């Protein structure tokens, strides 16, 4: 599984890179704070919403600590997507947070 650090994601965003971040946490978790511009798809709904994603674009999966996003990364990889897991999740995130 390909991984990217929270710091690498933050630096890419600060440099103006267009990233496709998918937050797989539950609604109440996302409401407490999320990375600006993130796409919210709870892990339990991910397989039902694959049709909304583009296999030609890379995605970065995010959760609280990296576990659920790791599972989400495996789901997307097994369905032919280009995907990375943000290691450490929101616990490792030091960038801007939107509430």
N, C-alpha and C. Protein backbone atom coordinates (compact mmCIF):
# COMPACT_ATOMS: atom_id res chain seq x y z
N UNK A 1 0.84 -1.18 0.00
CA UNK A 1 0.00 0.00 0.00
C UNK A 1 0.89 1.24 0.00
N UNK A 2 0.56 2.16 -0.89
CA UNK A 2 1.32 3.40 -0.98
C UNK A 2 0.85 4.35 0.13
N UNK A 3 1.82 5.00 0.79
CA UNK A 3 1.48 5.94 1.85
C UNK A 3 2.11 7.30 1.57
N UNK A 4 1.49 8.32 2.15
CA UNK A 4 1.99 9.68 2.07
C UNK A 4 1.84 10.26 3.48
N UNK A 5 2.78 11.09 3.90
CA UNK A 5 2.68 11.67 5.23
C UNK A 5 1.75 12.88 5.22
N UNK A 6 1.23 13.21 6.38
CA UNK A 6 0.38 14.39 6.51
C UNK A 6 1.16 15.64 6.12
N UNK A 7 2.43 15.67 6.46
CA UNK A 7 3.29 16.81 6.13
C UNK A 7 3.42 16.96 4.61
N UNK A 8 3.60 15.83 3.91
CA UNK A 8 3.70 15.88 2.44
C UNK A 8 2.40 16.39 1.82
N UNK A 9 1.26 15.97 2.37
CA UNK A 9 -0.04 16.45 1.87
C UNK A 9 -0.15 17.95 2.11
N UNK A 10 0.20 18.39 3.31
CA UNK A 10 0.13 19.81 3.65
C UNK A 10 1.02 20.64 2.74
N UNK A 11 2.24 20.19 2.51
CA UNK A 11 3.17 20.92 1.65
C UNK A 11 2.65 21.01 0.22
N UNK A 12 2.10 19.91 -0.29
CA UNK A 12 1.55 19.91 -1.65
C UNK A 12 0.40 20.91 -1.75
N UNK A 13 -0.45 20.96 -0.73
CA UNK A 13 -1.58 21.90 -0.73
C UNK A 13 -1.07 23.34 -0.68
N UNK A 14 -0.06 23.59 0.15
CA UNK A 14 0.50 24.94 0.27
C UNK A 14 1.16 25.40 -1.03
N UNK A 15 1.63 24.45 -1.83
CA UNK A 15 2.26 24.76 -3.12
C UNK A 15 1.22 24.88 -4.23
N UNK A 16 -0.06 24.72 -3.89
CA UNK A 16 -1.12 24.90 -4.86
C UNK A 16 -1.51 23.65 -5.63
N UNK A 17 -1.01 22.49 -5.23
CA UNK A 17 -1.38 21.25 -5.92
C UNK A 17 -2.85 20.93 -5.68
N UNK A 18 -3.51 20.45 -6.71
CA UNK A 18 -4.91 20.02 -6.61
C UNK A 18 -4.90 18.55 -6.18
N UNK A 19 -5.32 18.30 -4.95
CA UNK A 19 -5.34 16.95 -4.42
C UNK A 19 -6.77 16.46 -4.26
N UNK A 20 -6.96 15.17 -4.46
CA UNK A 20 -8.26 14.54 -4.24
C UNK A 20 -8.19 13.79 -2.92
N UNK A 21 -8.60 14.47 -1.85
CA UNK A 21 -8.58 13.87 -0.52
C UNK A 21 -9.96 13.32 -0.21
N UNK A 22 -10.01 12.09 0.27
CA UNK A 22 -11.29 11.49 0.67
C UNK A 22 -11.19 11.15 2.15
N UNK A 23 -12.07 11.75 2.95
CA UNK A 23 -12.14 11.50 4.39
C UNK A 23 -13.17 10.40 4.62
N UNK A 24 -12.74 9.28 5.19
CA UNK A 24 -13.64 8.13 5.36
C UNK A 24 -14.19 8.02 6.79
N UNK A 25 -14.01 9.08 7.59
CA UNK A 25 -14.55 9.07 8.94
C UNK A 25 -16.07 9.23 8.91
N UNK A 26 -16.70 9.02 10.06
CA UNK A 26 -18.14 9.18 10.19
C UNK A 26 -18.50 10.68 10.21
N UNK A 27 -19.77 10.99 9.96
CA UNK A 27 -20.23 12.37 9.86
C UNK A 27 -19.86 13.18 11.10
N UNK A 28 -20.11 12.64 12.29
CA UNK A 28 -19.84 13.40 13.52
C UNK A 28 -18.35 13.69 13.69
N UNK A 29 -17.49 12.81 13.19
CA UNK A 29 -16.05 13.03 13.27
C UNK A 29 -15.62 14.16 12.32
N UNK A 30 -16.16 14.14 11.11
CA UNK A 30 -15.82 15.14 10.11
C UNK A 30 -16.29 16.52 10.57
N UNK A 31 -17.43 16.57 11.24
CA UNK A 31 -17.98 17.84 11.72
C UNK A 31 -17.09 18.49 12.79
N UNK A 32 -16.26 17.70 13.47
CA UNK A 32 -15.37 18.26 14.51
C UNK A 32 -14.14 18.90 13.89
N UNK A 33 -13.92 18.69 12.61
CA UNK A 33 -12.80 19.30 11.92
C UNK A 33 -12.28 18.42 10.81
N UNK A 34 -12.10 19.02 9.63
CA UNK A 34 -11.61 18.28 8.47
C UNK A 34 -10.70 19.17 7.63
N UNK A 35 -9.95 18.55 6.74
CA UNK A 35 -9.07 19.28 5.84
C UNK A 35 -9.94 20.00 4.81
N UNK A 36 -9.72 21.31 4.60
CA UNK A 36 -10.53 22.05 3.62
C UNK A 36 -10.48 21.40 2.23
N UNK A 37 -11.65 21.28 1.60
CA UNK A 37 -11.74 20.74 0.26
C UNK A 37 -11.83 19.23 0.18
N UNK A 38 -11.87 18.56 1.31
CA UNK A 38 -11.92 17.10 1.33
C UNK A 38 -13.28 16.59 0.84
N UNK A 39 -13.27 15.42 0.23
CA UNK A 39 -14.51 14.74 -0.17
C UNK A 39 -14.85 13.81 1.00
N UNK A 40 -16.09 13.85 1.48
CA UNK A 40 -16.46 12.98 2.61
C UNK A 40 -17.26 11.77 2.11
N UNK A 41 -16.67 10.59 2.29
CA UNK A 41 -17.36 9.34 1.99
C UNK A 41 -17.07 8.39 3.15
N UNK A 42 -18.02 8.19 4.07
CA UNK A 42 -17.77 7.26 5.18
C UNK A 42 -17.34 5.89 4.67
N UNK A 43 -16.42 5.25 5.40
CA UNK A 43 -15.87 3.97 4.97
C UNK A 43 -16.97 2.97 4.61
N UNK A 44 -18.03 2.91 5.40
CA UNK A 44 -19.11 1.96 5.16
C UNK A 44 -19.85 2.17 3.86
N UNK A 45 -19.73 3.36 3.29
CA UNK A 45 -20.43 3.67 2.03
C UNK A 45 -19.50 3.66 0.82
N UNK A 46 -18.21 3.52 1.06
CA UNK A 46 -17.22 3.67 -0.02
C UNK A 46 -17.49 2.75 -1.20
N UNK A 47 -17.71 1.47 -0.95
CA UNK A 47 -17.92 0.53 -2.06
C UNK A 47 -19.16 0.87 -2.88
N UNK A 48 -20.16 1.51 -2.25
CA UNK A 48 -21.38 1.88 -2.95
C UNK A 48 -21.23 3.18 -3.74
N UNK A 49 -20.14 3.92 -3.47
CA UNK A 49 -19.95 5.21 -4.14
C UNK A 49 -18.73 5.24 -5.07
N UNK A 50 -18.18 4.08 -5.38
CA UNK A 50 -17.02 4.02 -6.28
C UNK A 50 -17.31 4.66 -7.63
N UNK A 51 -18.56 4.56 -8.08
CA UNK A 51 -18.94 5.13 -9.38
C UNK A 51 -18.76 6.65 -9.43
N UNK A 52 -18.65 7.30 -8.27
CA UNK A 52 -18.48 8.75 -8.21
C UNK A 52 -17.02 9.16 -8.43
N UNK A 53 -16.11 8.18 -8.39
CA UNK A 53 -14.68 8.46 -8.48
C UNK A 53 -14.13 8.15 -9.86
N UNK A 54 -13.03 8.80 -10.21
CA UNK A 54 -12.42 8.66 -11.53
C UNK A 54 -11.13 7.84 -11.41
N UNK A 55 -11.06 6.72 -12.10
CA UNK A 55 -9.89 5.84 -12.02
C UNK A 55 -8.63 6.47 -12.61
N UNK A 56 -8.78 7.58 -13.33
CA UNK A 56 -7.62 8.25 -13.93
C UNK A 56 -7.03 9.31 -13.01
N UNK A 57 -7.64 9.54 -11.86
CA UNK A 57 -7.15 10.54 -10.92
C UNK A 57 -6.65 9.87 -9.64
N UNK A 58 -5.55 10.37 -9.08
CA UNK A 58 -5.06 9.80 -7.82
C UNK A 58 -5.86 10.32 -6.63
N UNK A 59 -6.03 9.48 -5.62
CA UNK A 59 -6.76 9.85 -4.41
C UNK A 59 -5.88 9.62 -3.19
N UNK A 60 -6.13 10.42 -2.16
CA UNK A 60 -5.46 10.26 -0.87
C UNK A 60 -6.55 10.04 0.16
N UNK A 61 -6.45 8.93 0.88
CA UNK A 61 -7.46 8.57 1.87
C UNK A 61 -7.05 9.08 3.25
N UNK A 62 -8.04 9.60 3.99
CA UNK A 62 -7.81 10.20 5.30
C UNK A 62 -8.83 9.67 6.31
N UNK A 63 -8.37 9.39 7.54
CA UNK A 63 -9.28 9.08 8.65
C UNK A 63 -8.67 9.68 9.92
N UNK A 64 -9.04 9.17 11.08
CA UNK A 64 -8.53 9.74 12.32
C UNK A 64 -7.06 9.41 12.55
N UNK A 65 -6.72 8.11 12.39
CA UNK A 65 -5.34 7.70 12.71
C UNK A 65 -4.64 6.93 11.60
N UNK A 66 -5.34 6.57 10.54
CA UNK A 66 -4.72 5.86 9.42
C UNK A 66 -5.22 4.44 9.22
N UNK A 67 -5.96 3.89 10.17
CA UNK A 67 -6.46 2.52 10.06
C UNK A 67 -7.59 2.36 9.05
N UNK A 68 -8.65 3.14 9.24
CA UNK A 68 -9.79 3.04 8.30
C UNK A 68 -9.39 3.49 6.91
N UNK A 69 -8.56 4.52 6.83
CA UNK A 69 -8.13 4.97 5.51
C UNK A 69 -7.25 3.92 4.85
N UNK A 70 -6.54 3.12 5.65
CA UNK A 70 -5.77 2.00 5.10
C UNK A 70 -6.69 0.97 4.47
N UNK A 71 -7.80 0.67 5.15
CA UNK A 71 -8.79 -0.26 4.58
C UNK A 71 -9.40 0.32 3.31
N UNK A 72 -9.70 1.63 3.35
CA UNK A 72 -10.26 2.30 2.18
C UNK A 72 -9.28 2.26 1.00
N UNK A 73 -8.00 2.44 1.30
CA UNK A 73 -6.96 2.38 0.27
C UNK A 73 -6.95 1.01 -0.39
N UNK A 74 -7.06 -0.03 0.41
CA UNK A 74 -7.08 -1.39 -0.13
C UNK A 74 -8.30 -1.62 -1.00
N UNK A 75 -9.45 -1.09 -0.59
CA UNK A 75 -10.68 -1.23 -1.38
C UNK A 75 -10.50 -0.57 -2.74
N UNK A 76 -9.98 0.67 -2.74
CA UNK A 76 -9.81 1.37 -4.01
C UNK A 76 -8.75 0.70 -4.88
N UNK A 77 -7.64 0.29 -4.28
CA UNK A 77 -6.59 -0.41 -5.05
C UNK A 77 -7.15 -1.66 -5.72
N UNK A 78 -7.94 -2.43 -4.99
CA UNK A 78 -8.48 -3.67 -5.55
C UNK A 78 -9.49 -3.41 -6.65
N UNK A 79 -9.97 -2.16 -6.75
CA UNK A 79 -10.90 -1.79 -7.81
C UNK A 79 -10.24 -0.96 -8.90
N UNK A 80 -8.90 -0.95 -8.92
CA UNK A 80 -8.17 -0.33 -10.01
C UNK A 80 -7.90 1.16 -9.89
N UNK A 81 -8.03 1.72 -8.69
CA UNK A 81 -7.79 3.15 -8.50
C UNK A 81 -6.34 3.41 -8.12
N UNK A 82 -5.87 4.64 -8.39
CA UNK A 82 -4.56 5.12 -7.97
C UNK A 82 -4.79 5.78 -6.62
N UNK A 83 -4.22 5.23 -5.55
CA UNK A 83 -4.59 5.72 -4.22
C UNK A 83 -3.43 5.59 -3.23
N UNK A 84 -3.39 6.53 -2.29
CA UNK A 84 -2.41 6.53 -1.20
C UNK A 84 -3.14 6.71 0.12
N UNK A 85 -2.56 6.18 1.17
CA UNK A 85 -3.10 6.35 2.51
C UNK A 85 -2.31 7.45 3.22
N UNK A 86 -3.00 8.43 3.84
CA UNK A 86 -2.31 9.45 4.61
C UNK A 86 -1.96 8.87 5.98
N UNK A 87 -0.69 8.54 6.15
CA UNK A 87 -0.21 7.91 7.38
C UNK A 87 -0.45 8.81 8.59
N UNK A 88 -0.99 8.22 9.64
CA UNK A 88 -1.23 8.97 10.87
C UNK A 88 -2.55 9.70 10.92
N UNK A 89 -3.22 9.82 9.77
CA UNK A 89 -4.53 10.46 9.71
C UNK A 89 -4.58 11.87 10.26
N UNK A 90 -5.75 12.26 10.73
CA UNK A 90 -5.95 13.62 11.25
C UNK A 90 -5.14 13.87 12.51
N UNK A 91 -4.78 12.82 13.23
CA UNK A 91 -3.94 12.99 14.42
C UNK A 91 -2.57 13.56 14.05
N UNK A 92 -2.12 13.27 12.83
CA UNK A 92 -0.81 13.75 12.36
C UNK A 92 -0.92 15.08 11.60
N UNK A 93 -2.13 15.51 11.29
CA UNK A 93 -2.36 16.70 10.47
C UNK A 93 -2.07 17.97 11.27
N UNK A 94 -1.23 18.83 10.74
CA UNK A 94 -0.90 20.09 11.39
C UNK A 94 -1.35 21.30 10.58
N UNK A 95 -1.98 21.04 9.44
CA UNK A 95 -2.41 22.12 8.56
C UNK A 95 -3.76 22.69 8.97
N UNK A 96 -4.33 23.50 8.09
CA UNK A 96 -5.61 24.14 8.33
C UNK A 96 -6.71 23.09 8.49
N UNK A 97 -7.67 23.42 9.36
CA UNK A 97 -8.81 22.54 9.59
C UNK A 97 -10.08 23.38 9.47
N UNK A 98 -11.07 22.85 8.78
CA UNK A 98 -12.35 23.52 8.63
C UNK A 98 -13.37 22.80 9.51
N UNK A 99 -14.20 23.58 10.19
CA UNK A 99 -15.23 22.98 11.05
C UNK A 99 -16.59 23.26 10.47
